[in-house]
N, C-alpha and C. Protein backbone atom coordinates (compact mmCIF):
# COMPACT_ATOMS: atom_id res chain seq x y z
N VAL A 1 -16.39 30.90 9.20
CA VAL A 1 -16.39 29.87 10.48
C VAL A 1 -15.60 28.91 10.48
N PHE A 2 -15.13 28.87 11.93
CA PHE A 2 -13.55 27.34 11.98
C PHE A 2 -14.93 26.31 12.01
N ALA A 3 -14.33 25.48 11.45
CA ALA A 3 -14.03 23.80 11.98
C ALA A 3 -13.91 23.68 13.39
N VAL A 4 -15.02 22.90 14.21
CA VAL A 4 -14.71 22.55 15.19
C VAL A 4 -14.11 21.12 15.46
N VAL A 5 -12.49 21.30 14.88
CA VAL A 5 -12.42 19.48 14.71
C VAL A 5 -12.12 18.67 16.60
N PRO A 6 -12.57 17.68 16.45
CA PRO A 6 -12.14 17.35 18.49
C PRO A 6 -10.59 16.84 18.57
N GLY A 7 -10.51 17.28 19.51
CA GLY A 7 -8.73 17.33 20.12
C GLY A 7 -8.81 19.08 19.93
N LEU A 8 -9.39 19.43 18.84
CA LEU A 8 -8.48 20.84 19.21
C LEU A 8 -7.75 21.79 20.67
N LEU A 9 -8.72 21.47 21.37
CA LEU A 9 -8.29 22.32 22.23
C LEU A 9 -7.72 20.79 23.56
N ASP A 10 -6.19 21.25 23.89
CA ASP A 10 -5.87 20.25 24.74
C ASP A 10 -4.91 20.84 26.16
N ASN A 11 -5.57 20.58 27.07
CA ASN A 11 -4.57 20.43 27.76
C ASN A 11 -4.89 22.24 28.56
N PRO A 12 -5.70 22.12 29.47
CA PRO A 12 -6.57 23.64 29.68
C PRO A 12 -6.23 23.39 30.90
N ARG A 13 -5.47 24.38 31.42
CA ARG A 13 -5.04 25.00 32.86
C ARG A 13 -5.65 25.85 33.54
N SER A 14 -6.77 25.92 34.54
CA SER A 14 -7.43 27.00 35.08
C SER A 14 -7.29 27.26 36.14
N GLU A 15 -7.42 28.52 36.32
CA GLU A 15 -6.73 29.52 37.84
C GLU A 15 -8.00 30.41 37.80
N VAL A 16 -8.46 30.49 39.29
CA VAL A 16 -9.96 31.30 39.71
C VAL A 16 -9.89 31.81 40.77
N ARG A 17 -10.57 32.80 40.28
CA ARG A 17 -10.36 34.36 40.99
C ARG A 17 -11.82 34.43 41.22
N ARG A 18 -11.88 36.46 41.72
CA ARG A 18 -12.95 36.28 42.35
C ARG A 18 -13.10 38.03 41.73
N HIS A 19 -14.28 38.64 40.69
CA HIS A 19 -13.46 39.50 40.16
C HIS A 19 -13.91 40.74 41.00
N PRO A 20 -13.01 42.08 40.73
CA PRO A 20 -13.41 42.35 41.75
C PRO A 20 -14.94 43.14 42.14
N ALA A 21 -14.98 43.68 40.34
CA ALA A 21 -15.78 44.61 40.02
C ALA A 21 -17.53 43.72 40.64
N PHE A 22 -17.30 43.08 39.97
CA PHE A 22 -19.22 42.15 40.06
C PHE A 22 -19.04 41.27 40.93
N GLY A 23 -18.06 40.31 41.60
CA GLY A 23 -17.85 39.88 42.60
C GLY A 23 -18.17 38.36 43.11
N CYS A 24 -18.10 38.30 41.64
CA CYS A 24 -18.76 36.62 41.13
C CYS A 24 -17.06 35.76 40.57
N VAL A 25 -17.50 35.03 40.31
CA VAL A 25 -16.10 33.68 40.34
C VAL A 25 -15.67 33.56 39.25
N VAL A 26 -14.75 34.60 38.34
CA VAL A 26 -13.93 33.86 37.42
C VAL A 26 -12.72 33.25 37.35
N VAL A 27 -12.65 32.59 36.66
CA VAL A 27 -12.02 30.99 35.74
C VAL A 27 -11.21 32.11 35.20
N LEU A 28 -10.14 31.86 34.61
CA LEU A 28 -8.61 32.61 34.05
C LEU A 28 -8.19 30.74 33.54
N ARG A 29 -8.72 30.75 31.23
CA ARG A 29 -8.23 29.06 31.61
C ARG A 29 -7.26 29.56 30.52
N GLU A 30 -6.37 29.14 29.91
CA GLU A 30 -5.73 28.50 29.48
C GLU A 30 -5.78 27.41 28.06
N TYR A 31 -5.48 27.54 27.24
CA TYR A 31 -5.84 26.12 26.53
C TYR A 31 -4.93 26.12 25.01
N VAL A 32 -3.99 25.24 24.43
CA VAL A 32 -2.91 24.79 24.00
C VAL A 32 -3.98 24.67 22.10
N VAL A 33 -3.54 25.34 21.54
CA VAL A 33 -4.70 25.06 20.23
C VAL A 33 -4.12 24.44 18.72
N HIS A 34 -4.25 23.34 18.70
CA HIS A 34 -3.06 23.11 17.53
C HIS A 34 -4.23 23.36 16.12
N LEU A 35 -3.05 23.51 15.63
CA LEU A 35 -3.94 24.39 13.81
C LEU A 35 -3.58 22.82 13.56
N PRO A 36 -4.93 22.34 12.31
CA PRO A 36 -4.91 21.68 11.73
C PRO A 36 -4.61 21.46 10.11
N ASP A 37 -4.12 20.30 9.89
CA ASP A 37 -4.01 21.33 8.11
C ASP A 37 -5.28 20.64 7.61
N ALA A 38 -4.99 20.22 6.25
CA ALA A 38 -6.54 19.87 5.93
C ALA A 38 -7.31 19.14 5.89
N SER A 39 -6.43 18.53 6.24
CA SER A 39 -7.09 17.27 6.64
C SER A 39 -7.76 16.31 7.87
N ASN A 40 -7.63 17.08 8.32
CA ASN A 40 -7.29 18.25 10.13
C ASN A 40 -6.48 17.52 10.97
N THR A 41 -5.32 17.07 10.45
CA THR A 41 -3.76 15.75 11.31
C THR A 41 -3.58 17.51 11.94
N ARG A 42 -3.39 17.00 13.29
CA ARG A 42 -2.30 18.32 13.71
C ARG A 42 -1.27 18.68 12.98
N VAL A 43 -1.24 19.97 13.27
CA VAL A 43 0.26 20.48 12.50
C VAL A 43 0.48 20.18 13.52
N GLY A 44 1.83 19.27 13.05
CA GLY A 44 3.88 19.50 14.63
C GLY A 44 3.61 20.37 15.30
N CYS A 45 4.38 21.63 15.57
CA CYS A 45 4.32 22.72 16.48
C CYS A 45 3.87 23.43 16.16
N ALA A 46 2.74 23.65 15.54
CA ALA A 46 1.97 25.23 15.54
C ALA A 46 0.77 24.68 16.78
N ALA A 47 1.47 25.81 17.58
CA ALA A 47 0.70 25.89 19.09
C ALA A 47 0.17 27.42 19.05
N ILE A 48 -0.68 27.68 19.52
CA ILE A 48 -0.55 29.52 20.06
C ILE A 48 -1.84 29.29 21.66
N PRO A 49 -0.59 29.94 22.36
CA PRO A 49 -1.98 29.77 24.23
C PRO A 49 -3.26 30.73 23.86
N VAL A 50 -4.40 30.77 24.41
CA VAL A 50 -4.86 31.27 23.92
C VAL A 50 -5.84 32.22 26.22
N ILE A 51 -6.48 32.86 25.89
CA ILE A 51 -7.07 32.83 26.94
C ILE A 51 -8.12 33.36 27.43
N THR A 52 -8.77 32.88 27.72
CA THR A 52 -10.52 33.11 27.61
C THR A 52 -11.17 33.56 29.46
N LEU A 53 -12.64 34.81 29.64
CA LEU A 53 -12.53 34.46 30.21
C LEU A 53 -13.61 34.91 31.14
N GLY A 54 -14.52 33.98 31.45
CA GLY A 54 -15.33 34.30 31.66
C GLY A 54 -15.93 34.22 33.40
N CYS A 55 -17.27 34.82 34.02
CA CYS A 55 -17.88 33.92 35.13
C CYS A 55 -18.58 32.43 34.32
N GLU A 56 -18.47 31.90 35.84
CA GLU A 56 -18.18 30.56 35.26
C GLU A 56 -19.53 29.59 36.20
N ASP A 57 -20.37 29.32 36.33
CA ASP A 57 -21.38 29.19 36.95
C ASP A 57 -22.57 29.80 37.72
N LEU A 58 -23.38 30.68 36.70
CA LEU A 58 -23.78 31.77 36.89
C LEU A 58 -24.80 31.52 36.08
N GLY A 59 -26.31 31.86 37.65
CA GLY A 59 -27.86 31.44 36.82
C GLY A 59 -27.82 32.39 35.98
N MET A 60 -28.98 32.88 35.45
CA MET A 60 -29.59 34.06 34.25
C MET A 60 -29.98 35.13 35.71
N GLY A 61 -30.46 34.89 37.04
CA GLY A 61 -30.25 35.90 37.74
C GLY A 61 -28.91 36.02 38.34
N ASP A 62 -28.00 35.46 38.61
CA ASP A 62 -26.79 36.47 38.80
C ASP A 62 -26.40 37.57 37.46
N TYR A 63 -26.15 37.12 36.31
CA TYR A 63 -26.75 38.41 35.02
C TYR A 63 -27.27 38.75 34.92
N GLU A 64 -28.37 39.04 35.51
CA GLU A 64 -29.39 40.01 35.82
C GLU A 64 -29.07 40.85 36.72
N ALA A 65 -28.10 40.24 38.04
CA ALA A 65 -27.70 40.97 38.75
C ALA A 65 -27.03 42.45 39.10
N PHE A 66 -25.76 42.08 37.60
CA PHE A 66 -24.59 42.61 37.26
C PHE A 66 -24.65 43.38 35.65
N ALA A 67 -25.81 43.10 35.73
CA ALA A 67 -26.22 43.40 33.31
C ALA A 67 -25.76 45.09 33.65
N ASP A 68 -26.27 46.00 34.61
CA ASP A 68 -25.77 48.06 34.51
C ASP A 68 -24.14 47.99 34.60
N GLN A 69 -23.63 47.41 35.84
CA GLN A 69 -21.66 47.57 36.27
C GLN A 69 -21.50 46.61 34.51
N PHE A 70 -21.54 45.33 33.80
CA PHE A 70 -21.04 45.18 33.25
C PHE A 70 -21.39 45.96 31.69
N ALA A 71 -22.16 47.01 32.09
CA ALA A 71 -23.09 48.05 30.86
C ALA A 71 -21.36 47.99 30.88
N VAL A 72 -21.14 49.39 32.16
CA VAL A 72 -20.26 50.66 32.51
C VAL A 72 -18.72 49.85 31.70
N HIS A 73 -18.61 49.13 32.99
CA HIS A 73 -17.41 48.24 32.60
C HIS A 73 -17.12 47.93 30.56
N ALA A 74 -18.25 47.38 30.48
CA ALA A 74 -17.12 47.10 28.98
C ALA A 74 -17.58 47.91 27.87
N GLU A 75 -18.23 49.42 28.67
CA GLU A 75 -18.11 50.12 27.40
C GLU A 75 -17.19 50.73 27.62
N HIS A 76 -16.04 51.01 28.64
CA HIS A 76 -14.98 51.74 28.60
C HIS A 76 -13.26 51.09 29.65
N SER A 77 -13.50 49.95 29.87
CA SER A 77 -12.59 48.78 30.46
C SER A 77 -11.41 48.28 28.82
N ALA A 78 -9.88 49.10 29.58
CA ALA A 78 -9.73 48.19 27.80
C ALA A 78 -9.32 47.02 27.60
N PHE A 79 -9.62 46.64 27.68
CA PHE A 79 -9.90 45.32 27.41
C PHE A 79 -11.13 45.23 26.60
N ASN A 80 -11.81 46.10 27.01
CA ASN A 80 -12.88 45.85 26.37
C ASN A 80 -12.93 46.45 24.54
N ALA A 81 -13.12 47.83 25.59
CA ALA A 81 -13.00 49.37 24.23
C ALA A 81 -11.65 49.35 23.81
N HIS A 82 -10.75 49.38 23.70
CA HIS A 82 -9.50 49.06 23.56
C HIS A 82 -8.17 47.88 22.81
N TYR A 83 -9.50 46.78 22.85
CA TYR A 83 -8.58 45.35 22.42
C TYR A 83 -9.93 44.14 21.62
N ASP A 84 -10.60 44.10 22.51
CA ASP A 84 -11.43 43.17 22.36
C ASP A 84 -12.55 44.04 20.88
N ARG A 85 -13.37 44.59 21.08
CA ARG A 85 -13.86 45.40 20.01
C ARG A 85 -12.82 45.84 19.15
N PRO A 86 -12.16 47.09 19.28
CA PRO A 86 -11.53 46.88 17.81
C PRO A 86 -10.68 46.26 17.15
N ALA A 87 -10.90 44.53 17.12
CA ALA A 87 -9.78 43.78 17.37
C ALA A 87 -11.09 43.18 16.14
N VAL A 88 -12.18 42.59 16.76
CA VAL A 88 -13.41 42.42 16.28
C VAL A 88 -13.76 42.80 15.40
N LEU A 89 -14.04 44.15 15.10
CA LEU A 89 -14.29 44.88 14.00
C LEU A 89 -13.89 45.19 13.06
N GLN A 90 -12.15 45.14 13.16
CA GLN A 90 -11.44 45.44 12.19
C GLN A 90 -11.95 44.00 11.00
N VAL A 91 -11.48 43.07 11.80
CA VAL A 91 -11.82 40.99 11.24
C VAL A 91 -13.30 41.47 10.28
N LEU A 92 -14.18 42.21 10.48
CA LEU A 92 -15.82 42.30 9.94
C LEU A 92 -15.29 42.89 9.20
N GLY A 93 -14.54 43.90 8.91
CA GLY A 93 -14.38 44.69 8.23
C GLY A 93 -15.50 45.97 7.36
N VAL A 94 -15.44 46.19 6.42
CA VAL A 94 -17.45 46.92 6.06
C VAL A 94 -17.93 45.92 5.85
N VAL A 95 -19.62 46.87 6.75
CA VAL A 95 -20.44 45.98 7.27
C VAL A 95 -21.82 46.32 6.61
N ALA A 96 -21.41 48.14 5.60
CA ALA A 96 -22.66 48.41 5.47
C ALA A 96 -23.59 47.98 4.31
N GLY A 97 -25.11 48.09 4.37
CA GLY A 97 -26.00 47.29 3.92
C GLY A 97 -25.73 45.48 4.23
N MET A 98 -24.85 45.34 5.20
CA MET A 98 -24.56 44.15 5.59
C MET A 98 -25.55 42.85 6.51
N ARG A 99 -26.16 41.90 6.08
CA ARG A 99 -27.06 41.61 7.66
C ARG A 99 -25.84 41.32 8.88
N VAL A 100 -26.29 41.99 9.94
CA VAL A 100 -25.31 41.16 10.71
C VAL A 100 -26.32 41.19 12.22
N LEU A 101 -25.11 39.20 12.51
CA LEU A 101 -26.26 39.14 13.61
C LEU A 101 -25.21 38.76 14.71
N ASP A 102 -25.19 39.37 16.39
CA ASP A 102 -25.05 39.85 17.05
C ASP A 102 -25.23 38.85 18.16
N VAL A 103 -24.90 37.85 18.30
CA VAL A 103 -24.60 36.44 19.08
C VAL A 103 -24.68 36.58 20.16
N GLY A 104 -25.05 36.77 21.69
CA GLY A 104 -24.19 37.61 23.21
C GLY A 104 -24.68 38.78 22.97
N CYS A 105 -25.14 39.65 22.57
CA CYS A 105 -25.56 40.66 21.69
C CYS A 105 -24.87 41.68 23.70
N GLY A 106 -24.99 41.08 24.82
CA GLY A 106 -25.39 41.72 26.17
C GLY A 106 -25.75 42.43 26.04
N PRO A 107 -24.73 44.41 26.18
CA PRO A 107 -25.96 45.54 26.56
C PRO A 107 -26.06 46.48 25.51
N GLY A 108 -25.08 45.61 24.16
CA GLY A 108 -25.44 46.38 22.63
C GLY A 108 -24.43 47.37 22.26
N LEU A 109 -23.03 47.23 22.56
CA LEU A 109 -21.40 47.86 22.21
C LEU A 109 -21.26 47.82 20.81
N TYR A 110 -21.65 46.04 20.13
CA TYR A 110 -21.04 46.09 19.49
C TYR A 110 -22.78 46.41 18.21
N VAL A 111 -23.64 46.10 19.00
CA VAL A 111 -25.17 46.19 17.69
C VAL A 111 -24.97 48.47 17.31
N GLU A 112 -24.23 49.04 18.62
CA GLU A 112 -24.21 50.30 18.25
C GLU A 112 -23.08 50.56 17.39
N GLU A 113 -22.17 49.98 17.54
CA GLU A 113 -20.62 50.53 16.50
C GLU A 113 -21.20 50.14 15.32
N LEU A 114 -21.45 48.40 14.56
CA LEU A 114 -22.64 47.88 14.06
C LEU A 114 -23.53 48.70 13.32
N LEU A 115 -24.04 49.61 13.81
CA LEU A 115 -25.57 50.27 12.87
C LEU A 115 -24.57 52.05 12.26
N GLN A 116 -23.98 51.87 13.80
CA GLN A 116 -22.68 53.52 12.81
C GLN A 116 -22.33 52.73 11.74
N ARG A 117 -21.88 51.57 11.62
CA ARG A 117 -21.29 51.66 9.74
C ARG A 117 -22.12 51.09 9.23
N GLY A 118 -23.58 51.39 9.06
CA GLY A 118 -24.32 50.94 8.35
C GLY A 118 -25.16 49.75 7.92
N ALA A 119 -25.13 48.48 8.88
CA ALA A 119 -25.11 47.56 9.18
C ALA A 119 -27.22 46.80 8.96
N ILE A 120 -27.41 45.91 8.69
CA ILE A 120 -28.42 45.94 9.25
C ILE A 120 -28.57 44.76 10.46
N VAL A 121 -28.73 45.75 11.84
CA VAL A 121 -28.80 44.39 12.25
C VAL A 121 -29.55 43.76 13.88
N ALA A 122 -29.43 42.10 14.22
CA ALA A 122 -30.37 41.56 14.51
C ALA A 122 -29.54 41.50 15.73
N GLY A 123 -29.63 41.30 17.17
CA GLY A 123 -28.90 40.77 18.47
C GLY A 123 -29.89 39.67 18.93
N CYS A 124 -29.23 38.87 20.24
CA CYS A 124 -29.73 38.16 21.31
C CYS A 124 -28.80 38.11 22.43
N ASP A 125 -29.28 37.97 23.24
CA ASP A 125 -28.71 37.39 24.59
C ASP A 125 -29.85 36.77 25.84
N ALA A 126 -29.51 35.71 26.73
CA ALA A 126 -29.71 35.18 27.60
C ALA A 126 -30.80 36.49 28.69
N SER A 127 -30.02 37.11 28.65
CA SER A 127 -30.54 38.00 29.76
C SER A 127 -31.00 39.02 29.39
N ALA A 128 -32.03 39.22 30.11
CA ALA A 128 -33.09 40.38 29.35
C ALA A 128 -32.89 41.28 30.12
N ARG A 129 -32.29 41.77 31.12
CA ARG A 129 -31.68 42.83 31.36
C ARG A 129 -30.46 43.23 30.33
N MET A 130 -29.36 42.72 30.10
CA MET A 130 -29.12 43.00 28.60
C MET A 130 -29.23 43.08 27.49
N VAL A 131 -30.89 43.09 27.36
CA VAL A 131 -30.73 43.44 25.79
C VAL A 131 -32.26 44.52 25.68
N GLU A 132 -32.09 44.91 27.16
CA GLU A 132 -33.34 46.47 27.64
C GLU A 132 -31.30 46.94 27.59
N LEU A 133 -30.62 46.49 28.27
CA LEU A 133 -29.26 48.13 27.97
C LEU A 133 -29.44 48.29 26.78
N ALA A 134 -28.61 47.20 25.91
CA ALA A 134 -28.65 47.09 24.67
C ALA A 134 -30.46 48.44 23.28
N GLN A 135 -31.36 47.56 23.68
CA GLN A 135 -32.67 48.95 23.18
C GLN A 135 -32.61 49.83 23.59
N GLU A 136 -32.32 50.29 25.12
CA GLU A 136 -32.29 51.89 25.38
C GLU A 136 -30.57 52.65 24.48
N ARG A 137 -30.28 51.91 24.42
CA ARG A 137 -28.80 52.59 23.23
C ARG A 137 -29.48 52.91 22.61
N VAL A 138 -29.91 51.84 21.67
CA VAL A 138 -30.11 51.88 19.93
C VAL A 138 -31.59 51.63 19.92
N GLY A 139 -32.62 52.17 20.61
CA GLY A 139 -33.84 52.13 20.30
C GLY A 139 -34.33 50.83 19.75
N ASP A 140 -35.29 51.43 18.76
CA ASP A 140 -35.37 50.30 17.20
C ASP A 140 -34.71 50.32 16.37
N ALA A 141 -33.38 51.14 16.11
CA ALA A 141 -32.71 50.65 14.87
C ALA A 141 -32.08 49.30 14.78
N ALA A 142 -32.35 48.22 15.73
CA ALA A 142 -32.15 46.86 15.31
C ALA A 142 -33.40 45.95 16.38
N THR A 143 -33.27 44.64 15.61
CA THR A 143 -33.64 44.04 16.73
C THR A 143 -33.71 43.14 17.25
N LEU A 144 -33.76 43.17 18.01
CA LEU A 144 -33.29 42.38 19.47
C LEU A 144 -34.39 41.74 20.42
N ARG A 145 -33.45 40.69 20.70
CA ARG A 145 -34.17 39.69 21.38
C ARG A 145 -33.43 38.36 22.40
N VAL A 146 -34.16 38.11 24.13
CA VAL A 146 -34.07 37.41 24.62
C VAL A 146 -33.97 36.29 24.17
N HIS A 147 -32.90 35.39 23.98
CA HIS A 147 -32.30 33.57 23.57
C HIS A 147 -31.62 33.05 24.36
N ASP A 148 -31.61 31.86 24.77
CA ASP A 148 -31.24 30.95 25.05
C ASP A 148 -30.26 30.22 24.24
N LEU A 149 -28.38 31.44 23.77
CA LEU A 149 -27.79 30.09 23.03
C LEU A 149 -27.96 28.27 22.55
N ASN A 150 -28.19 27.71 24.12
CA ASN A 150 -28.10 26.85 23.79
C ASN A 150 -29.00 26.23 23.02
N GLN A 151 -29.50 26.98 22.89
CA GLN A 151 -30.69 26.24 22.14
C GLN A 151 -31.31 27.08 20.27
N PRO A 152 -31.68 26.16 19.29
CA PRO A 152 -31.76 26.71 17.77
C PRO A 152 -32.63 27.79 18.15
N MET A 153 -31.05 28.45 16.96
CA MET A 153 -32.35 30.12 17.08
C MET A 153 -33.39 29.93 15.58
N GLU A 154 -34.30 29.47 15.82
CA GLU A 154 -35.11 29.05 15.22
C GLU A 154 -36.28 30.67 14.58
N TRP A 155 -36.55 30.89 14.99
CA TRP A 155 -35.87 32.45 14.78
C TRP A 155 -35.03 33.59 13.56
N VAL A 156 -34.53 32.96 12.94
CA VAL A 156 -33.58 33.73 11.81
C VAL A 156 -33.49 32.18 11.15
N THR A 157 -33.60 32.55 9.66
CA THR A 157 -34.39 31.97 9.02
C THR A 157 -32.78 31.30 7.81
N ASP A 158 -32.93 29.82 7.07
CA ASP A 158 -31.31 29.63 6.91
C ASP A 158 -30.69 30.67 6.30
N ALA A 159 -29.72 31.34 5.94
CA ALA A 159 -28.67 31.63 5.01
C ALA A 159 -29.46 33.08 5.02
N SER A 160 -29.48 33.02 5.86
CA SER A 160 -29.87 35.41 6.04
C SER A 160 -28.68 36.40 6.13
N ILE A 161 -28.62 35.51 7.23
CA ILE A 161 -26.89 36.51 7.64
C ILE A 161 -25.70 36.54 6.74
N ASP A 162 -25.40 37.79 6.62
CA ASP A 162 -23.74 37.89 6.27
C ASP A 162 -22.32 37.83 6.44
N ARG A 163 -23.13 38.18 8.03
CA ARG A 163 -22.11 38.46 8.91
C ARG A 163 -22.41 37.56 10.38
N VAL A 164 -21.88 37.51 11.13
CA VAL A 164 -21.99 37.00 12.84
C VAL A 164 -21.14 37.23 14.03
N VAL A 165 -21.48 37.94 14.52
CA VAL A 165 -20.54 38.58 15.57
C VAL A 165 -20.70 38.11 17.04
N MET A 166 -20.21 37.16 18.11
CA MET A 166 -19.97 36.25 18.76
C MET A 166 -18.91 36.55 19.42
N ALA A 167 -18.44 37.34 20.29
CA ALA A 167 -17.56 37.89 21.00
C ALA A 167 -17.95 37.91 22.51
N LEU A 168 -16.44 37.33 22.86
CA LEU A 168 -17.12 36.98 24.86
C LEU A 168 -17.90 36.34 24.70
N THR A 169 -19.22 35.48 24.61
CA THR A 169 -20.09 34.13 24.38
C THR A 169 -19.56 32.86 24.49
N ILE A 170 -19.21 32.31 23.43
CA ILE A 170 -19.23 30.96 23.73
C ILE A 170 -18.11 30.20 25.27
N HIS A 171 -17.91 30.93 25.41
CA HIS A 171 -17.50 30.64 27.25
C HIS A 171 -18.97 30.49 28.16
N HIS A 172 -19.42 31.18 28.15
CA HIS A 172 -20.95 30.87 29.42
C HIS A 172 -21.53 29.84 28.49
N LEU A 173 -21.28 29.15 27.42
CA LEU A 173 -22.57 28.60 27.02
C LEU A 173 -22.05 26.72 27.54
N ASP A 174 -23.16 26.36 27.65
CA ASP A 174 -23.05 24.82 28.66
C ASP A 174 -22.87 23.95 26.69
N GLN A 175 -23.72 24.42 26.16
CA GLN A 175 -24.29 23.99 24.58
C GLN A 175 -23.27 24.42 23.46
N PRO A 176 -22.07 24.88 23.27
CA PRO A 176 -21.46 25.75 22.56
C PRO A 176 -21.63 25.16 21.16
N HIS A 177 -21.46 23.76 21.23
CA HIS A 177 -21.96 23.09 19.49
C HIS A 177 -23.55 23.48 19.41
N VAL A 178 -24.46 23.84 20.02
CA VAL A 178 -25.38 24.46 19.12
C VAL A 178 -25.89 25.79 18.80
N ALA A 179 -24.57 26.33 19.94
CA ALA A 179 -24.60 27.61 18.48
C ALA A 179 -24.06 28.05 16.96
N LEU A 180 -22.90 26.94 17.54
CA LEU A 180 -21.91 27.49 16.72
C LEU A 180 -22.34 26.95 15.08
N SER A 181 -23.27 25.24 15.71
CA SER A 181 -24.48 24.77 14.58
C SER A 181 -24.75 26.43 14.05
N GLU A 182 -25.39 26.48 14.69
CA GLU A 182 -27.11 27.54 14.25
C GLU A 182 -26.02 28.63 13.49
N ILE A 183 -24.97 28.73 13.78
CA ILE A 183 -24.46 30.04 13.53
C ILE A 183 -24.25 29.15 11.73
N ALA A 184 -23.83 28.40 11.61
CA ALA A 184 -23.15 28.05 10.44
C ALA A 184 -24.59 27.89 9.35
N ARG A 185 -25.86 27.38 10.31
CA ARG A 185 -26.86 26.83 9.15
C ARG A 185 -27.80 28.62 9.12
N VAL A 186 -27.34 29.73 9.62
CA VAL A 186 -28.53 31.09 9.30
C VAL A 186 -27.37 31.74 8.44
N LEU A 187 -25.58 31.63 8.05
CA LEU A 187 -25.00 32.19 7.35
C LEU A 187 -25.23 31.87 6.20
N ALA A 188 -25.31 33.06 5.71
CA ALA A 188 -25.27 33.27 4.27
C ALA A 188 -24.42 31.85 3.41
N PRO A 189 -24.21 31.75 2.36
CA PRO A 189 -22.54 31.06 1.54
C PRO A 189 -22.00 31.55 1.38
N ASP A 190 -21.35 33.38 0.93
CA ASP A 190 -20.67 33.79 0.99
C ASP A 190 -19.66 34.74 2.52
N GLY A 191 -21.33 34.01 3.51
CA GLY A 191 -21.14 34.32 5.42
C GLY A 191 -19.46 34.64 5.90
N ARG A 192 -19.69 35.18 6.51
CA ARG A 192 -18.11 34.94 8.00
C ARG A 192 -18.80 35.20 9.51
């Protein structure tokens, strides 16, 4: 888990487009991330451009409306299937026998892969339809629930999770600090 340092993200630039498949407004954001040293002061020239992609200003009804299309898109799109998922799964490493929480599980693509790799998986998403799609994908092999990540995850006990996946989710949250604090709370001392 990375510590969130005030002022870490500077100078966001945004470009607004309409997503061709979903019809929602998509905001492409670019941030410069300053990497702090051990004392949380900025390191002179170490800056990394980061692009985040997300649908802005969507209510849960909007997510429900395009959940099925998103599931098809995310399963096969070049970015999701060949860049994002493989990179995140590589960072997770071996998960066999570990308790993994998929925060913002969407249609269950990570849940399915984590189960195939031998993990004990729980997941949540704010969209009831996304959770239904994930449940259809994996049956009863994982514990899945509808949960608003802007609220505490009271259903997960302290230090009970070995790994957390939060792929392409944080930019959808109104209060990301709540989810990050909860992830820190539920992770085991050697968790990540």
